């Protein structure tokens, strides 16, 4: 899931070299943290959080076959 979030985020931002994605595993759940430049934060979140919600939806759909719960946090 880390790679999926990284590819999507780098396609959205102006400074793709500042995109950092980390992954923490806690039992059957995984937390993916997305760090972007401050100037790119609005592009990743989107108006009313629509882009962030879309990223979370895609990741949850991709992780459903693994029987794991994946949460995406934008830091």
PDB file of N, CA and C in Angstrom:
ATOM      1  N   UNK A   1       0.819  -1.197   0.000  1.00  0.00           N
ATOM      2  CA  UNK A   1       0.000   0.000   0.000  1.00  0.00           C
ATOM      3  C   UNK A   1       0.858   1.255   0.000  1.00  0.00           C
ATOM      4  N   UNK A   2       2.027   1.152   0.578  1.00  0.00           N
ATOM      5  CA  UNK A   2       2.934   2.295   0.636  1.00  0.00           C
ATOM      6  C   UNK A   2       3.250   2.799  -0.764  1.00  0.00           C
ATOM      7  N   UNK A   3       3.520   1.894  -1.673  1.00  0.00           N
ATOM      8  CA  UNK A   3       3.875   2.275  -3.039  1.00  0.00           C
ATOM      9  C   UNK A   3       2.699   2.939  -3.756  1.00  0.00           C
ATOM     10  N   UNK A   4       1.503   2.427  -3.521  1.00  0.00           N
ATOM     11  CA  UNK A   4       0.305   2.986  -4.143  1.00  0.00           C
ATOM     12  C   UNK A   4       0.088   4.433  -3.708  1.00  0.00           C
ATOM     13  N   UNK A   5       0.179   4.688  -2.425  1.00  0.00           N
ATOM     14  CA  UNK A   5      -0.001   6.053  -1.911  1.00  0.00           C
ATOM     15  C   UNK A   5       1.085   6.973  -2.448  1.00  0.00           C
ATOM     16  N   UNK A   6       2.303   6.468  -2.524  1.00  0.00           N
ATOM     17  CA  UNK A   6       3.424   7.281  -3.008  1.00  0.00           C
ATOM     18  C   UNK A   6       3.242   7.670  -4.472  1.00  0.00           C
ATOM     19  N   UNK A   7       2.819   6.750  -5.307  1.00  0.00           N
ATOM     20  CA  UNK A   7       2.613   7.035  -6.732  1.00  0.00           C
ATOM     21  C   UNK A   7       1.508   8.065  -6.933  1.00  0.00           C
ATOM     22  N   UNK A   8       0.408   7.894  -6.215  1.00  0.00           N
ATOM     23  CA  UNK A   8      -0.713   8.828  -6.339  1.00  0.00           C
ATOM     24  C   UNK A   8      -0.313  10.218  -5.851  1.00  0.00           C
ATOM     25  N   UNK A   9       0.366  10.284  -4.720  1.00  0.00           N
ATOM     26  CA  UNK A   9       0.750  11.578  -4.152  1.00  0.00           C
ATOM     27  C   UNK A   9       1.752  12.311  -5.046  1.00  0.00           C
ATOM     28  N   UNK A  10       2.723  11.594  -5.583  1.00  0.00           N
ATOM     29  CA  UNK A  10       3.717  12.238  -6.444  1.00  0.00           C
ATOM     30  C   UNK A  10       3.095  12.782  -7.724  1.00  0.00           C
ATOM     31  N   UNK A  11       2.012  12.163  -8.176  1.00  0.00           N
ATOM     32  CA  UNK A  11       1.326  12.648  -9.380  1.00  0.00           C
ATOM     33  C   UNK A  11       0.546  13.930  -9.093  1.00  0.00           C
ATOM     34  N   UNK A  12       0.196  14.175  -7.850  1.00  0.00           N
ATOM     35  CA  UNK A  12      -0.627  15.327  -7.503  1.00  0.00           C
ATOM     36  C   UNK A  12       0.166  16.586  -7.165  1.00  0.00           C
ATOM     37  N   UNK A  13       1.351  16.447  -6.616  1.00  0.00           N
ATOM     38  CA  UNK A  13       2.066  17.587  -6.031  1.00  0.00           C
ATOM     39  C   UNK A  13       3.046  18.232  -7.010  1.00  0.00           C
ATOM     40  N   UNK A  14       3.472  19.457  -6.649  1.00  0.00           N
ATOM     41  CA  UNK A  14       4.475  20.169  -7.446  1.00  0.00           C
ATOM     42  C   UNK A  14       5.900  19.771  -7.061  1.00  0.00           C
ATOM     43  N   UNK A  15       6.084  19.309  -5.838  1.00  0.00           N
ATOM     44  CA  UNK A  15       7.405  18.914  -5.345  1.00  0.00           C
ATOM     45  C   UNK A  15       7.409  17.420  -5.003  1.00  0.00           C
ATOM     46  N   UNK A  16       7.466  16.559  -6.022  1.00  0.00           N
ATOM     47  CA  UNK A  16       7.384  15.117  -5.751  1.00  0.00           C
ATOM     48  C   UNK A  16       8.589  14.572  -4.978  1.00  0.00           C
ATOM     49  N   UNK A  17       9.710  15.289  -4.995  1.00  0.00           N
ATOM     50  CA  UNK A  17      10.878  14.825  -4.260  1.00  0.00           C
ATOM     51  C   UNK A  17      10.704  14.968  -2.751  1.00  0.00           C
ATOM     52  N   UNK A  18       9.721  15.747  -2.299  1.00  0.00           N
ATOM     53  CA  UNK A  18       9.477  15.937  -0.870  1.00  0.00           C
ATOM     54  C   UNK A  18       8.385  15.024  -0.329  1.00  0.00           C
ATOM     55  N   UNK A  19       7.877  14.125  -1.154  1.00  0.00           N
ATOM     56  CA  UNK A  19       6.846  13.182  -0.712  1.00  0.00           C
ATOM     57  C   UNK A  19       7.525  12.030   0.031  1.00  0.00           C
ATOM     58  N   UNK A  20       7.069  11.800   1.270  1.00  0.00           N
ATOM     59  CA  UNK A  20       7.605  10.709   2.089  1.00  0.00           C
ATOM     60  C   UNK A  20       6.423   9.904   2.611  1.00  0.00           C
ATOM     61  N   UNK A  21       6.480   8.596   2.396  1.00  0.00           N
ATOM     62  CA  UNK A  21       5.415   7.712   2.848  1.00  0.00           C
ATOM     63  C   UNK A  21       6.022   6.683   3.793  1.00  0.00           C
ATOM     64  N   UNK A  22       5.427   6.572   4.988  1.00  0.00           N
ATOM     65  CA  UNK A  22       5.878   5.568   5.955  1.00  0.00           C
ATOM     66  C   UNK A  22       4.714   4.646   6.275  1.00  0.00           C
ATOM     67  N   UNK A  23       5.062   3.439   6.709  1.00  0.00           N
ATOM     68  CA  UNK A  23       4.047   2.423   6.965  1.00  0.00           C
ATOM     69  C   UNK A  23       4.306   1.785   8.321  1.00  0.00           C
ATOM     70  N   UNK A  24       3.273   1.723   9.159  1.00  0.00           N
ATOM     71  CA  UNK A  24       3.367   1.084  10.474  1.00  0.00           C
ATOM     72  C   UNK A  24       2.354  -0.051  10.524  1.00  0.00           C
ATOM     73  N   UNK A  25       2.787  -1.206  11.001  1.00  0.00           N
ATOM     74  CA  UNK A  25       1.895  -2.353  11.111  1.00  0.00           C
ATOM     75  C   UNK A  25       1.575  -2.598  12.573  1.00  0.00           C
ATOM     76  N   UNK A  26       0.290  -2.712  12.868  1.00  0.00           N
ATOM     77  CA  UNK A  26      -0.165  -2.999  14.224  1.00  0.00           C
ATOM     78  C   UNK A  26      -1.201  -4.117  14.146  1.00  0.00           C
ATOM     79  N   UNK A  27      -0.760  -5.341  14.286  1.00  0.00           N
ATOM     80  CA  UNK A  27      -1.672  -6.487  14.185  1.00  0.00           C
ATOM     81  C   UNK A  27      -2.169  -6.643  12.765  1.00  0.00           C
ATOM     82  N   UNK A  28      -3.505  -6.590  12.586  1.00  0.00           N
ATOM     83  CA  UNK A  28      -4.077  -6.710  11.249  1.00  0.00           C
ATOM     84  C   UNK A  28      -4.337  -5.360  10.606  1.00  0.00           C
ATOM     85  N   UNK A  29      -3.960  -4.284  11.283  1.00  0.00           N
ATOM     86  CA  UNK A  29      -4.176  -2.959  10.695  1.00  0.00           C
ATOM     87  C   UNK A  29      -2.839  -2.320  10.338  1.00  0.00           C
ATOM     88  N   UNK A  30      -2.868  -1.531   9.294  1.00  0.00           N
ATOM     89  CA  UNK A  30      -1.681  -0.838   8.797  1.00  0.00           C
ATOM     90  C   UNK A  30      -2.005   0.648   8.723  1.00  0.00           C
ATOM     91  N   UNK A  31      -1.077   1.466   9.198  1.00  0.00           N
ATOM     92  CA  UNK A  31      -1.233   2.918   9.112  1.00  0.00           C
ATOM     93  C   UNK A  31      -0.199   3.434   8.126  1.00  0.00           C
ATOM     94  N   UNK A  32      -0.675   4.107   7.090  1.00  0.00           N
ATOM     95  CA  UNK A  32       0.204   4.695   6.084  1.00  0.00           C
ATOM     96  C   UNK A  32       0.189   6.203   6.303  1.00  0.00           C
ATOM     97  N   UNK A  33       1.363   6.766   6.589  1.00  0.00           N
ATOM     98  CA  UNK A  33       1.477   8.206   6.814  1.00  0.00           C
ATOM     99  C   UNK A  33       2.069   8.859   5.575  1.00  0.00           C
ATOM    100  N   UNK A  34       1.417   9.920   5.120  1.00  0.00           N
ATOM    101  CA  UNK A  34       1.849  10.646   3.927  1.00  0.00           C
ATOM    102  C   UNK A  34       2.320  12.028   4.352  1.00  0.00           C
ATOM    103  N   UNK A  35       3.586  12.328   4.070  1.00  0.00           N
ATOM    104  CA  UNK A  35       4.167  13.622   4.375  1.00  0.00           C
ATOM    105  C   UNK A  35       4.459  14.328   3.050  1.00  0.00           C
ATOM    106  N   UNK A  36       3.953  15.557   2.892  1.00  0.00           N
ATOM    107  CA  UNK A  36       4.216  16.354   1.689  1.00  0.00           C
ATOM    108  C   UNK A  36       4.688  17.741   2.107  1.00  0.00           C
ATOM    109  N   UNK A  37       5.177  18.513   1.148  1.00  0.00           N
ATOM    110  CA  UNK A  37       5.590  19.888   1.419  1.00  0.00           C
ATOM    111  C   UNK A  37       4.368  20.701   1.834  1.00  0.00           C
ATOM    112  N   UNK A  38       4.600  21.715   2.643  1.00  0.00           N
ATOM    113  CA  UNK A  38       3.493  22.545   3.140  1.00  0.00           C
ATOM    114  C   UNK A  38       2.728  23.200   1.996  1.00  0.00           C
ATOM    115  N   UNK A  39       3.424  23.581   0.945  1.00  0.00           N
ATOM    116  CA  UNK A  39       2.765  24.230  -0.187  1.00  0.00           C
ATOM    117  C   UNK A  39       1.905  23.256  -0.997  1.00  0.00           C
ATOM    118  N   UNK A  40       2.143  21.957  -0.864  1.00  0.00           N
ATOM    119  CA  UNK A  40       1.383  20.944  -1.602  1.00  0.00           C
ATOM    120  C   UNK A  40       0.257  20.325  -0.785  1.00  0.00           C
ATOM    121  N   UNK A  41       0.127  20.730   0.462  1.00  0.00           N
ATOM    122  CA  UNK A  41      -0.875  20.123   1.339  1.00  0.00           C
ATOM    123  C   UNK A  41      -2.290  20.274   0.774  1.00  0.00           C
ATOM    124  N   UNK A  42      -2.614  21.431   0.247  1.00  0.00           N
ATOM    125  CA  UNK A  42      -3.948  21.658  -0.302  1.00  0.00           C
ATOM    126  C   UNK A  42      -4.249  20.797  -1.509  1.00  0.00           C
ATOM    127  N   UNK A  43      -3.235  20.497  -2.301  1.00  0.00           N
ATOM    128  CA  UNK A  43      -3.436  19.663  -3.485  1.00  0.00           C
ATOM    129  C   UNK A  43      -3.717  18.217  -3.106  1.00  0.00           C
ATOM    130  N   UNK A  44      -3.133  17.771  -2.017  1.00  0.00           N
ATOM    131  CA  UNK A  44      -3.333  16.390  -1.585  1.00  0.00           C
ATOM    132  C   UNK A  44      -4.672  16.250  -0.864  1.00  0.00           C
ATOM    133  N   UNK A  45      -5.072  17.272  -0.126  1.00  0.00           N
ATOM    134  CA  UNK A  45      -6.344  17.206   0.602  1.00  0.00           C
ATOM    135  C   UNK A  45      -7.514  17.500  -0.329  1.00  0.00           C
ATOM    136  N   UNK A  46      -7.396  18.528  -1.157  1.00  0.00           N
ATOM    137  CA  UNK A  46      -8.465  18.883  -2.082  1.00  0.00           C
ATOM    138  C   UNK A  46      -9.559  19.685  -1.415  1.00  0.00           C
ATOM    139  N   UNK A  47     -10.460  20.199  -2.231  1.00  0.00           N
ATOM    140  CA  UNK A  47     -11.583  20.975  -1.696  1.00  0.00           C
ATOM    141  C   UNK A  47     -12.492  20.067  -0.884  1.00  0.00           C
ATOM    142  N   UNK A  48     -12.749  20.483   0.333  1.00  0.00           N
ATOM    143  CA  UNK A  48     -13.592  19.738   1.275  1.00  0.00           C
ATOM    144  C   UNK A  48     -13.083  18.313   1.503  1.00  0.00           C
ATOM    145  N   UNK A  49     -11.792  18.086   1.284  1.00  0.00           N
ATOM    146  CA  UNK A  49     -11.198  16.777   1.550  1.00  0.00           C
ATOM    147  C   UNK A  49     -11.529  15.702   0.547  1.00  0.00           C
ATOM    148  N   UNK A  50     -11.970  16.093  -0.637  1.00  0.00           N
ATOM    149  CA  UNK A  50     -12.408  15.093  -1.624  1.00  0.00           C
ATOM    150  C   UNK A  50     -11.259  14.236  -2.150  1.00  0.00           C
ATOM    151  N   UNK A  51     -10.102  14.839  -2.393  1.00  0.00           N
ATOM    152  CA  UNK A  51      -8.971  14.060  -2.919  1.00  0.00           C
ATOM    153  C   UNK A  51      -8.443  13.118  -1.849  1.00  0.00           C
ATOM    154  N   UNK A  52      -8.345  13.598  -0.612  1.00  0.00           N
ATOM    155  CA  UNK A  52      -7.899  12.733   0.484  1.00  0.00           C
ATOM    156  C   UNK A  52      -8.848  11.554   0.662  1.00  0.00           C
ATOM    157  N   UNK A  53     -10.132  11.807   0.566  1.00  0.00           N
ATOM    158  CA  UNK A  53     -11.118  10.737   0.697  1.00  0.00           C
ATOM    159  C   UNK A  53     -10.981   9.733  -0.454  1.00  0.00           C
ATOM    160  N   UNK A  54     -10.714  10.237  -1.656  1.00  0.00           N
ATOM    161  CA  UNK A  54     -10.541   9.350  -2.810  1.00  0.00           C
ATOM    162  C   UNK A  54      -9.300   8.472  -2.651  1.00  0.00           C
ATOM    163  N   UNK A  55      -8.215   9.044  -2.141  1.00  0.00           N
ATOM    164  CA  UNK A  55      -6.991   8.264  -1.898  1.00  0.00           C
ATOM    165  C   UNK A  55      -7.285   7.165  -0.884  1.00  0.00           C
ATOM    166  N   UNK A  56      -7.979   7.510   0.191  1.00  0.00           N
ATOM    167  CA  UNK A  56      -8.314   6.513   1.219  1.00  0.00           C
ATOM    168  C   UNK A  56      -9.209   5.414   0.656  1.00  0.00           C
ATOM    169  N   UNK A  57     -10.157   5.778  -0.208  1.00  0.00           N
ATOM    170  CA  UNK A  57     -11.060   4.799  -0.804  1.00  0.00           C
ATOM    171  C   UNK A  57     -10.301   3.821  -1.692  1.00  0.00           C
ATOM    172  N   UNK A  58      -9.386   4.320  -2.509  1.00  0.00           N
ATOM    173  CA  UNK A  58      -8.600   3.459  -3.393  1.00  0.00           C
ATOM    174  C   UNK A  58      -7.730   2.510  -2.579  1.00  0.00           C
ATOM    175  N   UNK A  59      -7.108   3.015  -1.533  1.00  0.00           N
ATOM    176  CA  UNK A  59      -6.236   2.174  -0.704  1.00  0.00           C
ATOM    177  C   UNK A  59      -7.050   1.110   0.025  1.00  0.00           C
ATOM    178  N   UNK A  60      -8.203   1.471   0.538  1.00  0.00           N
ATOM    179  CA  UNK A  60      -9.035   0.476   1.230  1.00  0.00           C
ATOM    180  C   UNK A  60      -9.534  -0.589   0.269  1.00  0.00           C
ATOM    181  N   UNK A  61      -9.859  -0.198  -0.960  1.00  0.00           N
ATOM    182  CA  UNK A  61     -10.296  -1.173  -1.952  1.00  0.00           C
ATOM    183  C   UNK A  61      -9.158  -2.123  -2.312  1.00  0.00           C
ATOM    184  N   UNK A  62      -7.954  -1.586  -2.445  1.00  0.00           N
ATOM    185  CA  UNK A  62      -6.802  -2.425  -2.784  1.00  0.00           C
ATOM    186  C   UNK A  62      -6.421  -3.350  -1.634  1.00  0.00           C
ATOM    187  N   UNK A  63      -6.656  -2.927  -0.401  1.00  0.00           N
ATOM    188  CA  UNK A  63      -6.261  -3.748   0.747  1.00  0.00           C
ATOM    189  C   UNK A  63      -7.324  -4.754   1.148  1.00  0.00           C
ATOM    190  N   UNK A  64      -8.502  -4.671   0.584  1.00  0.00           N
ATOM    191  CA  UNK A  64      -9.580  -5.572   0.993  1.00  0.00           C
ATOM    192  C   UNK A  64      -9.284  -7.033   0.668  1.00  0.00           C
ATOM    193  N   UNK A  65      -8.508  -7.290  -0.362  1.00  0.00           N
ATOM    194  CA  UNK A  65      -8.189  -8.679  -0.705  1.00  0.00           C
ATOM    195  C   UNK A  65      -7.200  -9.307   0.277  1.00  0.00           C
ATOM    196  N   UNK A  66      -6.434  -8.475   0.992  1.00  0.00           N
ATOM    197  CA  UNK A  66      -5.458  -8.982   1.957  1.00  0.00           C
ATOM    198  C   UNK A  66      -6.055  -9.189   3.343  1.00  0.00           C
ATOM    199  N   UNK A  67      -7.327  -8.832   3.521  1.00  0.00           N
ATOM    200  CA  UNK A  67      -7.992  -8.942   4.815  1.00  0.00           C
ATOM    201  C   UNK A  67      -7.313  -8.103   5.888  1.00  0.00           C
ATOM    202  N   UNK A  68      -6.784  -6.944   5.493  1.00  0.00           N
ATOM    203  CA  UNK A  68      -6.166  -6.028   6.441  1.00  0.00           C
ATOM    204  C   UNK A  68      -6.881  -4.692   6.374  1.00  0.00           C
ATOM    205  N   UNK A  69      -6.782  -3.936   7.441  1.00  0.00           N
ATOM    206  CA  UNK A  69      -7.380  -2.604   7.492  1.00  0.00           C
ATOM    207  C   UNK A  69      -6.257  -1.604   7.321  1.00  0.00           C
ATOM    208  N   UNK A  70      -6.393  -0.732   6.342  1.00  0.00           N
ATOM    209  CA  UNK A  70      -5.368   0.261   6.055  1.00  0.00           C
ATOM    210  C   UNK A  70      -5.958   1.652   6.247  1.00  0.00           C
ATOM    211  N   UNK A  71      -5.297   2.462   7.082  1.00  0.00           N
ATOM    212  CA  UNK A  71      -5.686   3.847   7.303  1.00  0.00           C
ATOM    213  C   UNK A  71      -4.612   4.745   6.718  1.00  0.00           C
ATOM    214  N   UNK A  72      -5.031   5.785   5.996  1.00  0.00           N
ATOM    215  CA  UNK A  72      -4.090   6.743   5.417  1.00  0.00           C
ATOM    216  C   UNK A  72      -4.209   8.036   6.204  1.00  0.00           C
ATOM    217  N   UNK A  73      -3.074   8.481   6.753  1.00  0.00           N
ATOM    218  CA  UNK A  73      -3.024   9.728   7.492  1.00  0.00           C
ATOM    219  C   UNK A  73      -2.145  10.704   6.732  1.00  0.00           C
ATOM    220  N   UNK A  74      -2.668  11.905   6.508  1.00  0.00           N
ATOM    221  CA  UNK A  74      -1.906  12.957   5.823  1.00  0.00           C
ATOM    222  C   UNK A  74      -1.343  13.874   6.897  1.00  0.00           C
ATOM    223  N   UNK A  75      -0.021  13.900   7.011  1.00  0.00           N
ATOM    224  CA  UNK A  75       0.643  14.648   8.075  1.00  0.00           C
ATOM    225  C   UNK A  75       1.249  15.915   7.508  1.00  0.00           C
TER     226      UNK A  75
END
